[in-house]
Amino acid sequence: MRNYYIEDIVDEDIDTFEEKLTALEMNGPIQGIFYLPLPQELLNDEQKEHMDDCGPYFLSLETIRNVAGNSLKMELLVRAHNKIRCSCVAYCTPEQRNHMLDYLDQLIESFGIKV
């Protein structure tokens, strides 16, 4: 699995991060899992075609709490909300990846978290 990690986040900041994402209704069904929406204009052709059956699309983000240091892990797999397996579920295109890396970095900064 391809992932983007941000490590060494202090407890207070990981708490803040989770609280803010929950307030934005980005939390998933499991504690510590969040869904970061992928903008429709960045979808590839197949994802656009499958939007009604499979979408909306997102990247999964996990907060990992560890005594050695907390971290964030964003999977670079575009997932479909309504189907687990479909050909439209695929690794990010370079444009999608770059946008989502910048998006996560901007979210962290906007929450006042220093990494």
PDB file of N, CA and C in Angstrom:
ATOM      1  N   MET A   1       0.851  -1.179   0.000  1.00  0.00           N
ATOM      2  CA  MET A   1       0.000   0.000   0.000  1.00  0.00           C
ATOM      3  C   MET A   1       0.890   1.233   0.000  1.00  0.00           C
ATOM      4  N   ARG A   2       0.539   2.198  -0.787  1.00  0.00           N
ATOM      5  CA  ARG A   2       1.254   3.472  -0.825  1.00  0.00           C
ATOM      6  C   ARG A   2       0.607   4.401   0.198  1.00  0.00           C
ATOM      7  N   ASN A   3       1.448   5.025   1.010  1.00  0.00           N
ATOM      8  CA  ASN A   3       0.959   5.886   2.076  1.00  0.00           C
ATOM      9  C   ASN A   3       1.804   7.145   2.192  1.00  0.00           C
ATOM     10  N   TYR A   4       1.214   8.140   2.825  1.00  0.00           N
ATOM     11  CA  TYR A   4       1.910   9.378   3.177  1.00  0.00           C
ATOM     12  C   TYR A   4       1.836   9.481   4.692  1.00  0.00           C
ATOM     13  N   TYR A   5       2.988   9.527   5.350  1.00  0.00           N
ATOM     14  CA  TYR A   5       3.054   9.583   6.806  1.00  0.00           C
ATOM     15  C   TYR A   5       3.522  10.945   7.286  1.00  0.00           C
ATOM     16  N   ILE A   6       2.938  11.378   8.384  1.00  0.00           N
ATOM     17  CA  ILE A   6       3.436  12.530   9.118  1.00  0.00           C
ATOM     18  C   ILE A   6       3.636  12.026  10.542  1.00  0.00           C
ATOM     19  N   GLU A   7       4.860  12.116  11.025  1.00  0.00           N
ATOM     20  CA  GLU A   7       5.208  11.493  12.298  1.00  0.00           C
ATOM     21  C   GLU A   7       5.534  12.518  13.377  1.00  0.00           C
ATOM     22  N   ASP A   8       5.656  12.004  14.604  1.00  0.00           N
ATOM     23  CA  ASP A   8       6.073  12.783  15.774  1.00  0.00           C
ATOM     24  C   ASP A   8       5.094  13.910  16.113  1.00  0.00           C
ATOM     25  N   ILE A   9       3.829  13.570  16.205  1.00  0.00           N
ATOM     26  CA  ILE A   9       2.793  14.534  16.559  1.00  0.00           C
ATOM     27  C   ILE A   9       2.480  14.357  18.044  1.00  0.00           C
ATOM     28  N   VAL A  10       2.530  15.436  18.792  1.00  0.00           N
ATOM     29  CA  VAL A  10       2.286  15.349  20.236  1.00  0.00           C
ATOM     30  C   VAL A  10       0.821  15.024  20.510  1.00  0.00           C
ATOM     31  N   ASP A  11       0.545  14.452  21.705  1.00  0.00           N
ATOM     32  CA  ASP A  11      -0.795  14.007  22.071  1.00  0.00           C
ATOM     33  C   ASP A  11      -1.854  15.102  21.920  1.00  0.00           C
ATOM     34  N   GLU A  12      -1.551  16.297  22.394  1.00  0.00           N
ATOM     35  CA  GLU A  12      -2.523  17.383  22.331  1.00  0.00           C
ATOM     36  C   GLU A  12      -2.889  17.719  20.884  1.00  0.00           C
ATOM     37  N   ASP A  13      -1.901  17.682  20.001  1.00  0.00           N
ATOM     38  CA  ASP A  13      -2.153  18.003  18.597  1.00  0.00           C
ATOM     39  C   ASP A  13      -2.942  16.903  17.898  1.00  0.00           C
ATOM     40  N   ILE A  14      -2.686  15.640  18.244  1.00  0.00           N
ATOM     41  CA  ILE A  14      -3.456  14.561  17.612  1.00  0.00           C
ATOM     42  C   ILE A  14      -4.901  14.623  18.105  1.00  0.00           C
ATOM     43  N   ASP A  15      -5.098  15.015  19.377  1.00  0.00           N
ATOM     44  CA  ASP A  15      -6.456  15.200  19.904  1.00  0.00           C
ATOM     45  C   ASP A  15      -7.167  16.316  19.150  1.00  0.00           C
ATOM     46  N   THR A  16      -6.487  17.433  18.978  1.00  0.00           N
ATOM     47  CA  THR A  16      -7.055  18.573  18.248  1.00  0.00           C
ATOM     48  C   THR A  16      -7.403  18.175  16.824  1.00  0.00           C
ATOM     49  N   PHE A  17      -6.502  17.478  16.169  1.00  0.00           N
ATOM     50  CA  PHE A  17      -6.713  17.055  14.789  1.00  0.00           C
ATOM     51  C   PHE A  17      -7.974  16.196  14.678  1.00  0.00           C
ATOM     52  N   GLU A  18      -8.110  15.204  15.565  1.00  0.00           N
ATOM     53  CA  GLU A  18      -9.283  14.333  15.538  1.00  0.00           C
ATOM     54  C   GLU A  18     -10.568  15.114  15.828  1.00  0.00           C
ATOM     55  N   GLU A  19     -10.515  16.018  16.796  1.00  0.00           N
ATOM     56  CA  GLU A  19     -11.700  16.820  17.141  1.00  0.00           C
ATOM     57  C   GLU A  19     -12.147  17.676  15.960  1.00  0.00           C
ATOM     58  N   LYS A  20     -11.194  18.311  15.289  1.00  0.00           N
ATOM     59  CA  LYS A  20     -11.526  19.191  14.165  1.00  0.00           C
ATOM     60  C   LYS A  20     -12.087  18.397  12.982  1.00  0.00           C
ATOM     61  N   LEU A  21     -11.490  17.246  12.676  1.00  0.00           N
ATOM     62  CA  LEU A  21     -12.000  16.441  11.568  1.00  0.00           C
ATOM     63  C   LEU A  21     -13.383  15.880  11.888  1.00  0.00           C
ATOM     64  N   THR A  22     -13.614  15.521  13.138  1.00  0.00           N
ATOM     65  CA  THR A  22     -14.937  15.047  13.546  1.00  0.00           C
ATOM     66  C   THR A  22     -15.961  16.174  13.415  1.00  0.00           C
ATOM     67  N   ALA A  23     -15.599  17.379  13.813  1.00  0.00           N
ATOM     68  CA  ALA A  23     -16.499  18.531  13.680  1.00  0.00           C
ATOM     69  C   ALA A  23     -16.836  18.805  12.218  1.00  0.00           C
ATOM     70  N   LEU A  24     -15.903  18.501  11.329  1.00  0.00           N
ATOM     71  CA  LEU A  24     -16.133  18.671   9.885  1.00  0.00           C
ATOM     72  C   LEU A  24     -16.857  17.466   9.274  1.00  0.00           C
ATOM     73  N   GLU A  25     -17.247  16.508  10.121  1.00  0.00           N
ATOM     74  CA  GLU A  25     -17.948  15.281   9.716  1.00  0.00           C
ATOM     75  C   GLU A  25     -17.147  14.460   8.709  1.00  0.00           C
ATOM     76  N   MET A  26     -15.849  14.365   8.959  1.00  0.00           N
ATOM     77  CA  MET A  26     -14.975  13.566   8.101  1.00  0.00           C
ATOM     78  C   MET A  26     -14.650  12.215   8.728  1.00  0.00           C
ATOM     79  N   ASN A  27     -15.199  11.952   9.920  1.00  0.00           N
ATOM     80  CA  ASN A  27     -14.869  10.712  10.598  1.00  0.00           C
ATOM     81  C   ASN A  27     -15.527   9.525   9.907  1.00  0.00           C
ATOM     82  N   GLY A  28     -14.801   8.406   9.907  1.00  0.00           N
ATOM     83  CA  GLY A  28     -15.299   7.165   9.341  1.00  0.00           C
ATOM     84  C   GLY A  28     -15.988   6.343  10.407  1.00  0.00           C
ATOM     85  N   PRO A  29     -16.313   5.091  10.096  1.00  0.00           N
ATOM     86  CA  PRO A  29     -17.046   4.238  11.027  1.00  0.00           C
ATOM     87  C   PRO A  29     -16.208   3.674  12.174  1.00  0.00           C
ATOM     88  N   ILE A  30     -14.895   3.790  12.072  1.00  0.00           N
ATOM     89  CA  ILE A  30     -13.987   3.261  13.088  1.00  0.00           C
ATOM     90  C   ILE A  30     -13.238   4.430  13.702  1.00  0.00           C
ATOM     91  N   GLN A  31     -13.091   4.400  15.031  1.00  0.00           N
ATOM     92  CA  GLN A  31     -12.375   5.483  15.711  1.00  0.00           C
ATOM     93  C   GLN A  31     -10.963   5.613  15.149  1.00  0.00           C
ATOM     94  N   GLY A  32     -10.563   6.855  14.851  1.00  0.00           N
ATOM     95  CA  GLY A  32      -9.224   7.115  14.334  1.00  0.00           C
ATOM     96  C   GLY A  32      -9.120   7.041  12.816  1.00  0.00           C
ATOM     97  N   ILE A  33     -10.250   6.749  12.146  1.00  0.00           N
ATOM     98  CA  ILE A  33     -10.268   6.703  10.675  1.00  0.00           C
ATOM     99  C   ILE A  33     -11.099   7.882  10.177  1.00  0.00           C
ATOM    100  N   PHE A  34     -10.560   8.577   9.202  1.00  0.00           N
ATOM    101  CA  PHE A  34     -11.226   9.748   8.638  1.00  0.00           C
ATOM    102  C   PHE A  34     -11.214   9.654   7.123  1.00  0.00           C
ATOM    103  N   TYR A  35     -12.221  10.256   6.496  1.00  0.00           N
ATOM    104  CA  TYR A  35     -12.350  10.258   5.047  1.00  0.00           C
ATOM    105  C   TYR A  35     -12.088  11.671   4.529  1.00  0.00           C
ATOM    106  N   LEU A  36     -11.063  11.814   3.711  1.00  0.00           N
ATOM    107  CA  LEU A  36     -10.746  13.093   3.096  1.00  0.00           C
ATOM    108  C   LEU A  36     -11.320  13.095   1.684  1.00  0.00           C
ATOM    109  N   PRO A  37     -12.288  13.955   1.409  1.00  0.00           N
ATOM    110  CA  PRO A  37     -12.954  13.923   0.105  1.00  0.00           C
ATOM    111  C   PRO A  37     -12.032  14.328  -1.038  1.00  0.00           C
ATOM    112  N   LEU A  38     -12.176  13.620  -2.137  1.00  0.00           N
ATOM    113  CA  LEU A  38     -11.431  13.942  -3.353  1.00  0.00           C
ATOM    114  C   LEU A  38     -12.330  14.810  -4.222  1.00  0.00           C
ATOM    115  N   PRO A  39     -11.888  16.001  -4.592  1.00  0.00           N
ATOM    116  CA  PRO A  39     -12.724  16.880  -5.414  1.00  0.00           C
ATOM    117  C   PRO A  39     -13.111  16.221  -6.742  1.00  0.00           C
ATOM    118  N   GLN A  40     -14.348  16.432  -7.152  1.00  0.00           N
ATOM    119  CA  GLN A  40     -14.862  15.812  -8.380  1.00  0.00           C
ATOM    120  C   GLN A  40     -14.065  16.216  -9.617  1.00  0.00           C
ATOM    121  N   GLU A  41     -13.553  17.438  -9.616  1.00  0.00           N
ATOM    122  CA  GLU A  41     -12.809  17.869 -10.801  1.00  0.00           C
ATOM    123  C   GLU A  41     -11.484  17.121 -10.973  1.00  0.00           C
ATOM    124  N   LEU A  42     -11.049  16.404  -9.950  1.00  0.00           N
ATOM    125  CA  LEU A  42      -9.804  15.644 -10.044  1.00  0.00           C
ATOM    126  C   LEU A  42     -10.027  14.161 -10.354  1.00  0.00           C
ATOM    127  N   LEU A  43     -11.280  13.742 -10.445  1.00  0.00           N
ATOM    128  CA  LEU A  43     -11.556  12.338 -10.728  1.00  0.00           C
ATOM    129  C   LEU A  43     -11.077  11.970 -12.124  1.00  0.00           C
ATOM    130  N   ASN A  44     -10.606  10.733 -12.269  1.00  0.00           N
ATOM    131  CA  ASN A  44     -10.242  10.268 -13.603  1.00  0.00           C
ATOM    132  C   ASN A  44     -11.524   9.908 -14.359  1.00  0.00           C
ATOM    133  N   ASP A  45     -11.413   9.594 -15.629  1.00  0.00           N
ATOM    134  CA  ASP A  45     -12.593   9.349 -16.463  1.00  0.00           C
ATOM    135  C   ASP A  45     -13.459   8.215 -15.915  1.00  0.00           C
ATOM    136  N   GLU A  46     -12.833   7.132 -15.493  1.00  0.00           N
ATOM    137  CA  GLU A  46     -13.598   5.992 -14.978  1.00  0.00           C
ATOM    138  C   GLU A  46     -14.322   6.352 -13.683  1.00  0.00           C
ATOM    139  N   GLN A  47     -13.663   7.085 -12.801  1.00  0.00           N
ATOM    140  CA  GLN A  47     -14.304   7.505 -11.563  1.00  0.00           C
ATOM    141  C   GLN A  47     -15.501   8.414 -11.842  1.00  0.00           C
ATOM    142  N   LYS A  48     -15.365   9.282 -12.821  1.00  0.00           N
ATOM    143  CA  LYS A  48     -16.493  10.143 -13.208  1.00  0.00           C
ATOM    144  C   LYS A  48     -17.660   9.304 -13.719  1.00  0.00           C
ATOM    145  N   GLU A  49     -17.358   8.297 -14.541  1.00  0.00           N
ATOM    146  CA  GLU A  49     -18.396   7.418 -15.080  1.00  0.00           C
ATOM    147  C   GLU A  49     -19.091   6.614 -13.974  1.00  0.00           C
ATOM    148  N   HIS A  50     -18.354   6.262 -12.932  1.00  0.00           N
ATOM    149  CA  HIS A  50     -18.880   5.414 -11.860  1.00  0.00           C
ATOM    150  C   HIS A  50     -19.441   6.218 -10.679  1.00  0.00           C
ATOM    151  N   MET A  51     -19.431   7.522 -10.766  1.00  0.00           N
ATOM    152  CA  MET A  51     -19.815   8.369  -9.633  1.00  0.00           C
ATOM    153  C   MET A  51     -21.180   7.986  -9.047  1.00  0.00           C
ATOM    154  N   ASP A  52     -22.186   7.781  -9.880  1.00  0.00           N
ATOM    155  CA  ASP A  52     -23.525   7.484  -9.367  1.00  0.00           C
ATOM    156  C   ASP A  52     -23.588   6.156  -8.618  1.00  0.00           C
ATOM    157  N   ASP A  53     -22.880   5.138  -9.107  1.00  0.00           N
ATOM    158  CA  ASP A  53     -22.920   3.822  -8.468  1.00  0.00           C
ATOM    159  C   ASP A  53     -21.915   3.665  -7.332  1.00  0.00           C
ATOM    160  N   CYS A  54     -20.741   4.241  -7.478  1.00  0.00           N
ATOM    161  CA  CYS A  54     -19.647   3.982  -6.537  1.00  0.00           C
ATOM    162  C   CYS A  54     -19.319   5.163  -5.620  1.00  0.00           C
ATOM    163  N   GLY A  55     -19.425   6.366  -6.133  1.00  0.00           N
ATOM    164  CA  GLY A  55     -18.970   7.561  -5.408  1.00  0.00           C
ATOM    165  C   GLY A  55     -19.803   7.881  -4.196  1.00  0.00           C
ATOM    166  N   PRO A  56     -19.428   8.902  -3.474  1.00  0.00           N
ATOM    167  CA  PRO A  56     -18.298   9.808  -3.692  1.00  0.00           C
ATOM    168  C   PRO A  56     -16.965   9.133  -3.368  1.00  0.00           C
ATOM    169  N   TYR A  57     -15.892   9.780  -3.784  1.00  0.00           N
ATOM    170  CA  TYR A  57     -14.547   9.227  -3.628  1.00  0.00           C
ATOM    171  C   TYR A  57     -13.776   9.966  -2.540  1.00  0.00           C
ATOM    172  N   PHE A  58     -12.874   9.236  -1.896  1.00  0.00           N
ATOM    173  CA  PHE A  58     -12.120   9.801  -0.783  1.00  0.00           C
ATOM    174  C   PHE A  58     -10.806   9.065  -0.600  1.00  0.00           C
ATOM    175  N   LEU A  59      -9.936   9.669   0.205  1.00  0.00           N
ATOM    176  CA  LEU A  59      -8.729   9.002   0.675  1.00  0.00           C
ATOM    177  C   LEU A  59      -8.895   8.781   2.166  1.00  0.00           C
ATOM    178  N   SER A  60      -8.446   7.660   2.635  1.00  0.00           N
ATOM    179  CA  SER A  60      -8.560   7.312   4.040  1.00  0.00           C
ATOM    180  C   SER A  60      -7.351   7.840   4.818  1.00  0.00           C
ATOM    181  N   LEU A  61      -7.642   8.416   5.979  1.00  0.00           N
ATOM    182  CA  LEU A  61      -6.587   8.928   6.852  1.00  0.00           C
ATOM    183  C   LEU A  61      -6.744   8.280   8.217  1.00  0.00           C
ATOM    184  N   GLU A  62      -5.662   7.803   8.764  1.00  0.00           N
ATOM    185  CA  GLU A  62      -5.692   7.154  10.075  1.00  0.00           C
ATOM    186  C   GLU A  62      -4.803   7.918  11.047  1.00  0.00           C
ATOM    187  N   THR A  63      -5.331   8.154  12.248  1.00  0.00           N
ATOM    188  CA  THR A  63      -4.491   8.693  13.311  1.00  0.00           C
ATOM    189  C   THR A  63      -3.961   7.501  14.099  1.00  0.00           C
ATOM    190  N   ILE A  64      -2.665   7.479  14.280  1.00  0.00           N
ATOM    191  CA  ILE A  64      -2.007   6.364  14.966  1.00  0.00           C
ATOM    192  C   ILE A  64      -1.377   6.898  16.241  1.00  0.00           C
ATOM    193  N   ARG A  65      -1.848   6.370  17.362  1.00  0.00           N
ATOM    194  CA  ARG A  65      -1.315   6.776  18.665  1.00  0.00           C
ATOM    195  C   ARG A  65      -0.317   5.722  19.120  1.00  0.00           C
ATOM    196  N   ASN A  66       0.867   6.213  19.465  1.00  0.00           N
ATOM    197  CA  ASN A  66       1.949   5.301  19.814  1.00  0.00           C
ATOM    198  C   ASN A  66       2.848   5.986  20.837  1.00  0.00           C
ATOM    199  N   VAL A  67       3.295   5.226  21.816  1.00  0.00           N
ATOM    200  CA  VAL A  67       4.186   5.774  22.840  1.00  0.00           C
ATOM    201  C   VAL A  67       5.454   6.340  22.206  1.00  0.00           C
ATOM    202  N   ALA A  68       5.905   5.719  21.135  1.00  0.00           N
ATOM    203  CA  ALA A  68       7.124   6.174  20.455  1.00  0.00           C
ATOM    204  C   ALA A  68       6.890   7.446  19.643  1.00  0.00           C
ATOM    205  N   GLY A  69       5.639   7.824  19.452  1.00  0.00           N
ATOM    206  CA  GLY A  69       5.315   9.030  18.684  1.00  0.00           C
ATOM    207  C   GLY A  69       4.061   8.821  17.850  1.00  0.00           C
ATOM    208  N   ASN A  70       3.154   9.752  17.928  1.00  0.00           N
ATOM    209  CA  ASN A  70       1.906   9.675  17.170  1.00  0.00           C
ATOM    210  C   ASN A  70       2.166  10.038  15.714  1.00  0.00           C
ATOM    211  N   SER A  71       1.281   9.542  14.839  1.00  0.00           N
ATOM    212  CA  SER A  71       1.449   9.852  13.420  1.00  0.00           C
ATOM    213  C   SER A  71       0.100   9.874  12.709  1.00  0.00           C
ATOM    214  N   LEU A  72       0.141  10.424  11.509  1.00  0.00           N
ATOM    215  CA  LEU A  72      -0.984  10.401  10.589  1.00  0.00           C
ATOM    216  C   LEU A  72      -0.562   9.569   9.391  1.00  0.00           C
ATOM    217  N   LYS A  73      -1.476   8.732   8.910  1.00  0.00           N
ATOM    218  CA  LYS A  73      -1.187   7.925   7.725  1.00  0.00           C
ATOM    219  C   LYS A  73      -2.325   8.107   6.737  1.00  0.00           C
ATOM    220  N   MET A  74      -2.014   8.704   5.602  1.00  0.00           N
ATOM    221  CA  MET A  74      -3.000   8.859   4.541  1.00  0.00           C
ATOM    222  C   MET A  74      -2.678   7.855   3.444  1.00  0.00           C
ATOM    223  N   GLU A  75      -3.642   6.982   3.167  1.00  0.00           N
ATOM    224  CA  GLU A  75      -3.466   6.032   2.073  1.00  0.00           C
ATOM    225  C   GLU A  75      -3.604   6.777   0.755  1.00  0.00           C
ATOM    226  N   LEU A  76      -2.786   6.447  -0.191  1.00  0.00           N
ATOM    227  CA  LEU A  76      -2.831   7.090  -1.502  1.00  0.00           C
ATOM    228  C   LEU A  76      -3.658   6.264  -2.489  1.00  0.00           C
ATOM    229  N   LEU A  77      -4.696   5.633  -1.946  1.00  0.00           N
ATOM    230  CA  LEU A  77      -5.646   4.851  -2.723  1.00  0.00           C
ATOM    231  C   LEU A  77      -6.966   5.597  -2.736  1.00  0.00           C
ATOM    232  N   VAL A  78      -7.482   5.871  -3.918  1.00  0.00           N
ATOM    233  CA  VAL A  78      -8.780   6.521  -4.039  1.00  0.00           C
ATOM    234  C   VAL A  78      -9.835   5.445  -3.812  1.00  0.00           C
ATOM    235  N   ARG A  79     -10.606   5.631  -2.762  1.00  0.00           N
ATOM    236  CA  ARG A  79     -11.656   4.677  -2.403  1.00  0.00           C
ATOM    237  C   ARG A  79     -13.022   5.221  -2.796  1.00  0.00           C
ATOM    238  N   ALA A  80     -13.949   4.291  -3.018  1.00  0.00           N
ATOM    239  CA  ALA A  80     -15.323   4.641  -3.359  1.00  0.00           C
ATOM    240  C   ALA A  80     -16.202   4.397  -2.134  1.00  0.00           C
ATOM    241  N   HIS A  81     -17.055   5.331  -1.829  1.00  0.00           N
ATOM    242  CA  HIS A  81     -17.890   5.227  -0.632  1.00  0.00           C
ATOM    243  C   HIS A  81     -18.906   4.094  -0.728  1.00  0.00           C
ATOM    244  N   ASN A  82     -19.415   3.817  -1.916  1.00  0.00           N
ATOM    245  CA  ASN A  82     -20.502   2.847  -2.046  1.00  0.00           C
ATOM    246  C   ASN A  82     -20.085   1.455  -2.513  1.00  0.00           C
ATOM    247  N   LYS A  83     -18.813   1.268  -2.848  1.00  0.00           N
ATOM    248  CA  LYS A  83     -18.324  -0.060  -3.242  1.00  0.00           C
ATOM    249  C   LYS A  83     -16.908  -0.242  -2.742  1.00  0.00           C
ATOM    250  N   ILE A  84     -16.648  -1.435  -2.243  1.00  0.00           N
ATOM    251  CA  ILE A  84     -15.292  -1.724  -1.774  1.00  0.00           C
ATOM    252  C   ILE A  84     -14.400  -2.116  -2.949  1.00  0.00           C
ATOM    253  N   ARG A  85     -14.945  -2.939  -3.838  1.00  0.00           N
ATOM    254  CA  ARG A  85     -14.153  -3.408  -4.977  1.00  0.00           C
ATOM    255  C   ARG A  85     -14.807  -2.978  -6.276  1.00  0.00           C
ATOM    256  N   CYS A  86     -14.034  -2.279  -7.039  1.00  0.00           N
ATOM    257  CA  CYS A  86     -14.454  -1.854  -8.377  1.00  0.00           C
ATOM    258  C   CYS A  86     -13.197  -1.382  -9.101  1.00  0.00           C
ATOM    259  N   SER A  87     -13.234  -1.405 -10.395  1.00  0.00           N
ATOM    260  CA  SER A  87     -12.068  -0.964 -11.164  1.00  0.00           C
ATOM    261  C   SER A  87     -11.790   0.526 -10.983  1.00  0.00           C
ATOM    262  N   CYS A  88     -12.773   1.289 -10.483  1.00  0.00           N
ATOM    263  CA  CYS A  88     -12.563   2.725 -10.269  1.00  0.00           C
ATOM    264  C   CYS A  88     -11.787   3.005  -8.977  1.00  0.00           C
ATOM    265  N   VAL A  89     -11.675   2.013  -8.108  1.00  0.00           N
ATOM    266  CA  VAL A  89     -10.854   2.145  -6.900  1.00  0.00           C
ATOM    267  C   VAL A  89      -9.414   1.898  -7.332  1.00  0.00           C
ATOM    268  N   ALA A  90      -8.596   2.938  -7.221  1.00  0.00           N
ATOM    269  CA  ALA A  90      -7.238   2.847  -7.768  1.00  0.00           C
ATOM    270  C   ALA A  90      -6.321   3.818  -7.036  1.00  0.00           C
ATOM    271  N   TYR A  91      -5.036   3.595  -7.188  1.00  0.00           N
ATOM    272  CA  TYR A  91      -4.081   4.535  -6.613  1.00  0.00           C
ATOM    273  C   TYR A  91      -4.257   5.902  -7.266  1.00  0.00           C
ATOM    274  N   CYS A  92      -3.918   6.926  -6.523  1.00  0.00           N
ATOM    275  CA  CYS A  92      -4.041   8.307  -7.004  1.00  0.00           C
ATOM    276  C   CYS A  92      -3.250   8.526  -8.283  1.00  0.00           C
ATOM    277  N   THR A  93      -3.812   9.345  -9.130  1.00  0.00           N
ATOM    278  CA  THR A  93      -3.041   9.852 -10.254  1.00  0.00           C
ATOM    279  C   THR A  93      -2.048  10.867  -9.667  1.00  0.00           C
ATOM    280  N   PRO A  94      -1.021  11.251 -10.409  1.00  0.00           N
ATOM    281  CA  PRO A  94      -0.111  12.271  -9.871  1.00  0.00           C
ATOM    282  C   PRO A  94      -0.826  13.559  -9.463  1.00  0.00           C
ATOM    283  N   GLU A  95      -1.822  13.993 -10.232  1.00  0.00           N
ATOM    284  CA  GLU A  95      -2.562  15.220  -9.881  1.00  0.00           C
ATOM    285  C   GLU A  95      -3.352  15.032  -8.586  1.00  0.00           C
ATOM    286  N   GLN A  96      -4.015  13.889  -8.451  1.00  0.00           N
ATOM    287  CA  GLN A  96      -4.773  13.610  -7.239  1.00  0.00           C
ATOM    288  C   GLN A  96      -3.855  13.563  -6.025  1.00  0.00           C
ATOM    289  N   ARG A  97      -2.738  12.862  -6.168  1.00  0.00           N
ATOM    290  CA  ARG A  97      -1.782  12.731  -5.068  1.00  0.00           C
ATOM    291  C   ARG A  97      -1.259  14.096  -4.637  1.00  0.00           C
ATOM    292  N   ASN A  98      -0.818  14.896  -5.571  1.00  0.00           N
ATOM    293  CA  ASN A  98      -0.274  16.211  -5.230  1.00  0.00           C
ATOM    294  C   ASN A  98      -1.318  17.084  -4.546  1.00  0.00           C
ATOM    295  N   HIS A  99      -2.537  17.054  -5.061  1.00  0.00           N
ATOM    296  CA  HIS A  99      -3.606  17.846  -4.446  1.00  0.00           C
ATOM    297  C   HIS A  99      -3.870  17.390  -3.017  1.00  0.00           C
ATOM    298  N   MET A 100      -3.957  16.082  -2.804  1.00  0.00           N
ATOM    299  CA  MET A 100      -4.305  15.570  -1.471  1.00  0.00           C
ATOM    300  C   MET A 100      -3.172  15.755  -0.466  1.00  0.00           C
ATOM    301  N   LEU A 101      -1.930  15.685  -0.913  1.00  0.00           N
ATOM    302  CA  LEU A 101      -0.807  15.966  -0.011  1.00  0.00           C
ATOM    303  C   LEU A 101      -0.866  17.429   0.429  1.00  0.00           C
ATOM    304  N   ASP A 102      -1.085  18.320  -0.522  1.00  0.00           N
ATOM    305  CA  ASP A 102      -1.213  19.739  -0.194  1.00  0.00           C
ATOM    306  C   ASP A 102      -2.428  19.991   0.696  1.00  0.00           C
ATOM    307  N   TYR A 103      -3.534  19.318   0.398  1.00  0.00           N
ATOM    308  CA  TYR A 103      -4.765  19.469   1.185  1.00  0.00           C
ATOM    309  C   TYR A 103      -4.537  19.082   2.647  1.00  0.00           C
ATOM    310  N   LEU A 104      -3.897  17.930   2.869  1.00  0.00           N
ATOM    311  CA  LEU A 104      -3.626  17.488   4.236  1.00  0.00           C
ATOM    312  C   LEU A 104      -2.681  18.456   4.936  1.00  0.00           C
ATOM    313  N   ASP A 105      -1.646  18.880   4.259  1.00  0.00           N
ATOM    314  CA  ASP A 105      -0.712  19.835   4.857  1.00  0.00           C
ATOM    315  C   ASP A 105      -1.419  21.138   5.232  1.00  0.00           C
ATOM    316  N   GLN A 106      -2.323  21.604   4.375  1.00  0.00           N
ATOM    317  CA  GLN A 106      -3.069  22.840   4.661  1.00  0.00           C
ATOM    318  C   GLN A 106      -4.044  22.652   5.818  1.00  0.00           C
ATOM    319  N   LEU A 107      -4.674  21.468   5.899  1.00  0.00           N
ATOM    320  CA  LEU A 107      -5.561  21.192   7.028  1.00  0.00           C
ATOM    321  C   LEU A 107      -4.799  21.259   8.352  1.00  0.00           C
ATOM    322  N   ILE A 108      -3.661  20.605   8.377  1.00  0.00           N
ATOM    323  CA  ILE A 108      -2.835  20.586   9.589  1.00  0.00           C
ATOM    324  C   ILE A 108      -2.457  22.002   9.987  1.00  0.00           C
ATOM    325  N   GLU A 109      -2.027  22.785   9.018  1.00  0.00           N
ATOM    326  CA  GLU A 109      -1.635  24.179   9.290  1.00  0.00           C
ATOM    327  C   GLU A 109      -2.832  25.002   9.776  1.00  0.00           C
ATOM    328  N   SER A 110      -3.995  24.804   9.143  1.00  0.00           N
ATOM    329  CA  SER A 110      -5.180  25.590   9.522  1.00  0.00           C
ATOM    330  C   SER A 110      -5.658  25.234  10.927  1.00  0.00           C
ATOM    331  N   PHE A 111      -5.340  24.045  11.409  1.00  0.00           N
ATOM    332  CA  PHE A 111      -5.713  23.634  12.775  1.00  0.00           C
ATOM    333  C   PHE A 111      -4.693  24.110  13.802  1.00  0.00           C
ATOM    334  N   GLY A 112      -3.625  24.765  13.344  1.00  0.00           N
ATOM    335  CA  GLY A 112      -2.604  25.277  14.253  1.00  0.00           C
ATOM    336  C   GLY A 112      -1.664  24.203  14.769  1.00  0.00           C
ATOM    337  N   ILE A 113      -1.550  23.114  14.030  1.00  0.00           N
ATOM    338  CA  ILE A 113      -0.665  22.010  14.434  1.00  0.00           C
ATOM    339  C   ILE A 113       0.668  22.170  13.739  1.00  0.00           C
ATOM    340  N   LYS A 114       1.719  22.091  14.531  1.00  0.00           N
ATOM    341  CA  LYS A 114       3.064  22.243  13.977  1.00  0.00           C
ATOM    342  C   LYS A 114       3.704  20.875  13.836  1.00  0.00           C
ATOM    343  N   VAL A 115       4.109  20.591  12.600  1.00  0.00           N
ATOM    344  CA  VAL A 115       4.812  19.322  12.337  1.00  0.00           C
ATOM    345  C   VAL A 115       6.071  19.621  11.548  1.00  0.00           C
TER     346      VAL A 115
END
